[in-house]
C-alpha atoms as a PDB file:
ATOM      1  CA  MET A   1     -35.939   4.055-168.509  1.00  0.00           C
ATOM      2  CA  ARG A   2     -35.330   1.051-170.428  1.00  0.00           C
ATOM      3  CA  SER A   3     -32.075   1.529-172.207  1.00  0.00           C
ATOM      4  CA  ALA A   4     -30.949   1.861-168.828  1.00  0.00           C
ATOM      5  CA  ARG A   5     -31.831  -1.193-166.850  1.00  0.00           C
ATOM      6  CA  LEU A   6     -30.117  -2.959-170.498  1.00  0.00           C
ATOM      7  CA  GLU A   7     -27.320  -1.241-170.038  1.00  0.00           C
ATOM      8  CA  VAL A   8     -26.592  -2.341-166.399  1.00  0.00           C
ATOM      9  CA  ALA A   9     -27.292  -6.027-167.500  1.00  0.00           C
ATOM     10  CA  VAL A  10     -24.944  -6.286-169.593  1.00  0.00           C
ATOM     11  CA  GLY A  11     -22.491  -4.622-168.256  1.00  0.00           C
ATOM     12  CA  LEU A  12     -22.605  -7.300-165.900  1.00  0.00           C
ATOM     13  CA  PHE A  13     -22.324  -9.502-167.736  1.00  0.00           C
ATOM     14  CA  VAL A  14     -19.530  -8.786-169.952  1.00  0.00           C
ATOM     15  CA  LEU A  15     -18.153  -7.643-165.918  1.00  0.00           C
ATOM     16  CA  ALA A  16     -19.437 -12.013-164.974  1.00  0.00           C
ATOM     17  CA  GLY A  17     -17.605 -12.644-168.427  1.00  0.00           C
ATOM     18  CA  LEU A  18     -14.238 -11.065-167.325  1.00  0.00           C
ATOM     19  CA  LEU A  19     -13.793 -12.890-164.383  1.00  0.00           C
ATOM     20  CA  ALA A  20     -14.489 -16.136-165.086  1.00  0.00           C
ATOM     21  CA  LEU A  21     -11.785 -15.308-167.629  1.00  0.00           C
ATOM     22  CA  ALA A  22      -9.003 -14.342-165.122  1.00  0.00           C
ATOM     23  CA  TRP A  23     -10.834 -16.788-162.858  1.00  0.00           C
ATOM     24  CA  LEU A  24     -10.073 -19.107-165.918  1.00  0.00           C
ATOM     25  CA  SER A  25      -6.287 -18.050-166.366  1.00  0.00           C
ATOM     26  CA  VAL A  26      -5.267 -18.248-162.819  1.00  0.00           C
ATOM     27  CA  ARG A  27      -6.540 -21.327-162.780  1.00  0.00           C
ATOM     28  CA  LEU A  28      -5.018 -22.876-166.008  1.00  0.00           C
ATOM     29  CA  ALA A  29      -1.544 -21.109-165.010  1.00  0.00           C
ATOM     30  CA  ARG A  30      -1.484 -21.999-161.174  1.00  0.00           C
ATOM     31  CA  MET A  31      -1.426 -19.303-159.392  1.00  0.00           C
ATOM     32  CA  GLU A  32      -2.384 -18.573-156.561  1.00  0.00           C
ATOM     33  CA  LEU A  33      -3.117 -15.014-155.572  1.00  0.00           C
ATOM     34  CA  VAL A  34      -3.832 -16.057-151.387  1.00  0.00           C
ATOM     35  CA  GLY A  35      -1.537 -18.004-149.427  1.00  0.00           C
ATOM     36  CA  SER A  36      -2.382 -22.305-150.701  1.00  0.00           C
ATOM     37  CA  GLY A  37      -1.105 -23.614-147.752  1.00  0.00           C
ATOM     38  CA  LEU A  38       0.563 -26.035-149.107  1.00  0.00           C
ATOM     39  CA  VAL A  39       3.760 -27.441-147.354  1.00  0.00           C
ATOM     40  CA  PRO A  40       6.846 -26.574-149.260  1.00  0.00           C
ATOM     41  CA  LEU A  41       9.046 -30.038-149.436  1.00  0.00           C
ATOM     42  CA  TYR A  42      13.020 -30.129-150.925  1.00  0.00           C
ATOM     43  CA  ALA A  43      14.424 -32.638-152.753  1.00  0.00           C
ATOM     44  CA  GLN A  44      17.937 -32.601-154.682  1.00  0.00           C
ATOM     45  CA  PHE A  45      18.991 -34.675-157.892  1.00  0.00           C
ATOM     46  CA  THR A  46      21.687 -35.749-160.065  1.00  0.00           C
ATOM     47  CA  SER A  47      18.954 -35.541-162.929  1.00  0.00           C
ATOM     48  CA  ILE A  48      16.015 -33.991-163.811  1.00  0.00           C
ATOM     49  CA  ALA A  49      15.928 -34.005-167.256  1.00  0.00           C
ATOM     50  CA  GLY A  50      12.599 -33.074-168.238  1.00  0.00           C
ATOM     51  CA  LEU A  51      11.480 -32.185-165.277  1.00  0.00           C
ATOM     52  CA  LYS A  52       9.959 -28.675-165.234  1.00  0.00           C
ATOM     53  CA  VAL A  53       8.316 -26.107-162.909  1.00  0.00           C
ATOM     54  CA  GLY A  54       4.245 -27.569-162.576  1.00  0.00           C
ATOM     55  CA  ALA A  55       5.352 -31.254-162.647  1.00  0.00           C
ATOM     56  CA  ALA A  56       2.938 -33.628-160.804  1.00  0.00           C
ATOM     57  CA  VAL A  57       3.865 -34.735-157.586  1.00  0.00           C
ATOM     58  CA  GLU A  58       2.148 -38.140-156.656  1.00  0.00           C
ATOM     59  CA  ILE A  59       2.455 -40.438-153.689  1.00  0.00           C
ATOM     60  CA  ALA A  60       0.860 -44.414-154.718  1.00  0.00           C
ATOM     61  CA  GLY A  61      -0.533 -42.728-158.155  1.00  0.00           C
ATOM     62  CA  VAL A  62      -2.495 -39.623-156.201  1.00  0.00           C
ATOM     63  CA  GLY A  63      -1.646 -36.411-156.978  1.00  0.00           C
ATOM     64  CA  VAL A  64      -0.740 -34.675-153.506  1.00  0.00           C
ATOM     65  CA  GLY A  65       1.180 -31.312-155.098  1.00  0.00           C
ATOM     66  CA  ARG A  66       3.225 -30.399-157.572  1.00  0.00           C
ATOM     67  CA  VAL A  67       6.845 -29.122-158.192  1.00  0.00           C
ATOM     68  CA  ASP A  68       7.044 -25.131-157.280  1.00  0.00           C
ATOM     69  CA  ARG A  69      10.311 -24.416-157.939  1.00  0.00           C
ATOM     70  CA  ILE A  70      14.140 -26.322-159.515  1.00  0.00           C
ATOM     71  CA  GLU A  71      17.375 -24.855-159.527  1.00  0.00           C
ATOM     72  CA  LEU A  72      20.838 -25.735-159.226  1.00  0.00           C
ATOM     73  CA  ASN A  73      23.337 -25.797-156.734  1.00  0.00           C
ATOM     74  CA  PRO A  74      26.658 -24.083-157.252  1.00  0.00           C
ATOM     75  CA  ALA A  75      27.988 -26.053-154.084  1.00  0.00           C
ATOM     76  CA  ASP A  76      27.619 -29.527-155.207  1.00  0.00           C
ATOM     77  CA  TYR A  77      26.001 -29.236-159.060  1.00  0.00           C
ATOM     78  CA  GLU A  78      22.658 -31.058-158.321  1.00  0.00           C
ATOM     79  CA  ALA A  79      19.845 -29.727-159.507  1.00  0.00           C
ATOM     80  CA  ARG A  80      17.347 -28.549-155.982  1.00  0.00           C
ATOM     81  CA  VAL A  81      13.535 -29.467-156.651  1.00  0.00           C
ATOM     82  CA  ARG A  82      11.210 -26.989-154.981  1.00  0.00           C
ATOM     83  CA  MET A  83       7.313 -29.321-154.361  1.00  0.00           C
ATOM     84  CA  LEU A  84       4.146 -28.357-152.989  1.00  0.00           C
ATOM     85  CA  VAL A  85       2.265 -30.941-150.744  1.00  0.00           C
ATOM     86  CA  GLN A  86      -0.941 -30.960-149.674  1.00  0.00           C
ATOM     87  CA  PRO A  87      -0.387 -30.614-145.527  1.00  0.00           C
ATOM     88  CA  GLU A  88      -2.531 -33.385-144.625  1.00  0.00           C
ATOM     89  CA  VAL A  89      -0.097 -35.805-146.638  1.00  0.00           C
ATOM     90  CA  ALA A  90       2.288 -37.038-144.442  1.00  0.00           C
ATOM     91  CA  VAL A  91       5.629 -37.595-145.849  1.00  0.00           C
ATOM     92  CA  GLN A  92       8.075 -39.691-144.218  1.00  0.00           C
ATOM     93  CA  GLU A  93      11.820 -38.830-143.353  1.00  0.00           C
ATOM     94  CA  ASP A  94      13.073 -42.336-146.012  1.00  0.00           C
ATOM     95  CA  ALA A  95      10.915 -41.048-147.937  1.00  0.00           C
ATOM     96  CA  ILE A  96      12.235 -41.466-151.099  1.00  0.00           C
ATOM     97  CA  ALA A  97      11.415 -39.245-154.097  1.00  0.00           C
ATOM     98  CA  SER A  98      12.079 -40.037-157.794  1.00  0.00           C
ATOM     99  CA  VAL A  99      12.002 -38.487-161.433  1.00  0.00           C
ATOM    100  CA  ARG A 100       9.590 -40.553-163.441  1.00  0.00           C
ATOM    101  CA  THR A 101       7.880 -40.666-167.038  1.00  0.00           C
ATOM    102  CA  LYS A 102       4.660 -40.557-168.462  1.00  0.00           C
ATOM    103  CA  GLY A 103       4.756 -43.225-170.848  1.00  0.00           C
ATOM    104  CA  LEU A 104       7.726 -43.809-173.414  1.00  0.00           C
ATOM    105  CA  ILE A 105       7.932 -40.149-174.447  1.00  0.00           C
ATOM    106  CA  GLY A 106       5.704 -38.450-171.316  1.00  0.00           C
ATOM    107  CA  ASP A 107       5.731 -35.769-169.063  1.00  0.00           C
ATOM    108  CA  ARG A 108       8.260 -36.231-166.275  1.00  0.00           C
ATOM    109  CA  TYR A 109       7.171 -35.702-162.434  1.00  0.00           C
ATOM    110  CA  ILE A 110       8.042 -36.738-158.833  1.00  0.00           C
ATOM    111  CA  VAL A 111       6.869 -39.481-157.270  1.00  0.00           C
ATOM    112  CA  ILE A 112       7.492 -40.285-153.422  1.00  0.00           C
ATOM    113  CA  ALA A 113       7.602 -43.752-151.848  1.00  0.00           C
ATOM    114  CA  PRO A 114       6.920 -43.681-148.289  1.00  0.00           C
ATOM    115  CA  GLY A 115       8.869 -44.452-145.436  1.00  0.00           C
ATOM    116  CA  ALA A 116       8.339 -46.359-142.954  1.00  0.00           C
ATOM    117  CA  SER A 117      10.232 -44.075-140.419  1.00  0.00           C
ATOM    118  CA  ASP A 118       7.580 -42.752-137.364  1.00  0.00           C
ATOM    119  CA  LYS A 119       9.535 -38.829-138.246  1.00  0.00           C
ATOM    120  CA  ILE A 120       7.288 -36.433-140.696  1.00  0.00           C
ATOM    121  CA  LEU A 121       8.370 -34.102-142.183  1.00  0.00           C
ATOM    122  CA  VAL A 122       7.700 -30.247-141.733  1.00  0.00           C
ATOM    123  CA  ALA A 123       7.432 -27.303-143.982  1.00  0.00           C
ATOM    124  CA  ASN A 124      10.846 -26.796-145.318  1.00  0.00           C
ATOM    125  CA  GLY A 125      11.709 -30.827-144.801  1.00  0.00           C
ATOM    126  CA  VAL A 126      14.614 -32.194-146.989  1.00  0.00           C
ATOM    127  CA  ILE A 127      13.688 -35.724-148.736  1.00  0.00           C
ATOM    128  CA  ARG A 128      17.741 -37.268-148.734  1.00  0.00           C
ATOM    129  CA  GLN A 129      17.342 -40.391-150.422  1.00  0.00           C
ATOM    130  CA  THR A 130      16.607 -39.296-154.258  1.00  0.00           C
ATOM    131  CA  GLU A 131      16.525 -41.701-157.785  1.00  0.00           C
ATOM    132  CA  PRO A 132      17.942 -39.590-160.621  1.00  0.00           C
ATOM    133  CA  ALA A 133      15.961 -39.320-164.396  1.00  0.00           C
ATOM    134  CA  ILE A 134      16.351 -42.421-166.399  1.00  0.00           C
ATOM    135  CA  ASN A 135      17.868 -41.226-169.370  1.00  0.00           C
ATOM    136  CA  PHE A 136      16.199 -42.692-172.299  1.00  0.00           C
ATOM    137  CA  GLU A 137      18.846 -41.481-175.149  1.00  0.00           C
ATOM    138  CA  GLU A 138      21.550 -42.369-173.016  1.00  0.00           C
ATOM    139  CA  LEU A 139      20.217 -45.934-172.826  1.00  0.00           C
ATOM    140  CA  ILE A 140      19.996 -46.569-176.759  1.00  0.00           C
ATOM    141  CA  SER A 141      23.210 -45.077-177.186  1.00  0.00           C
ATOM    142  CA  GLN A 142      24.115 -47.418-174.373  1.00  0.00           C
ATOM    143  CA  PHE A 143      22.722 -50.974-176.324  1.00  0.00           C
ATOM    144  CA  ILE A 144      23.887 -49.686-179.013  1.00  0.00           C
ATOM    145  CA  HIS A 145      27.019 -49.726-178.890  1.00  0.00           C
ATOM    146  CA  GLY A 146      27.408 -52.259-176.679  1.00  0.00           C
ATOM    147  CA  SER A 147      27.873 -51.568-173.953  1.00  0.00           C
ATOM    148  CA  VAL A 148      24.992 -52.061-171.873  1.00  0.00           C
ATOM    149  CA  LYS A 149      25.095 -53.513-168.499  1.00  0.00           C
END
């Protein structure tokens, strides 16, 4: 009887450990098992050099979402970025999305500068005004070769 209780306790302990490991794996991979409730927004950039899926989306330095998908728009050869933003964050129709770098050689992320419009983007809305990523290698090359304006 005592042995059976010990086996059940060990089994429950192992099961709890496996569930905790599965939860941690899902959280670290930034996956959602059920509907996330986040609002998808789109933006097109001429260059998103270094931006990756899972990158942060910030407004005023506060994380409000993440990059969900990046694809090439074959019609105009621009990068189409899908962002998932928290539903309580109102993004104006005239907001500006910019690709920025954390530090000098850090990770790329998207910054949304709020606009002044009264119209708010709804799910699957498109941020029309964008600023591409700054290519530091190109700037250094221009500086070295004396073609910086």
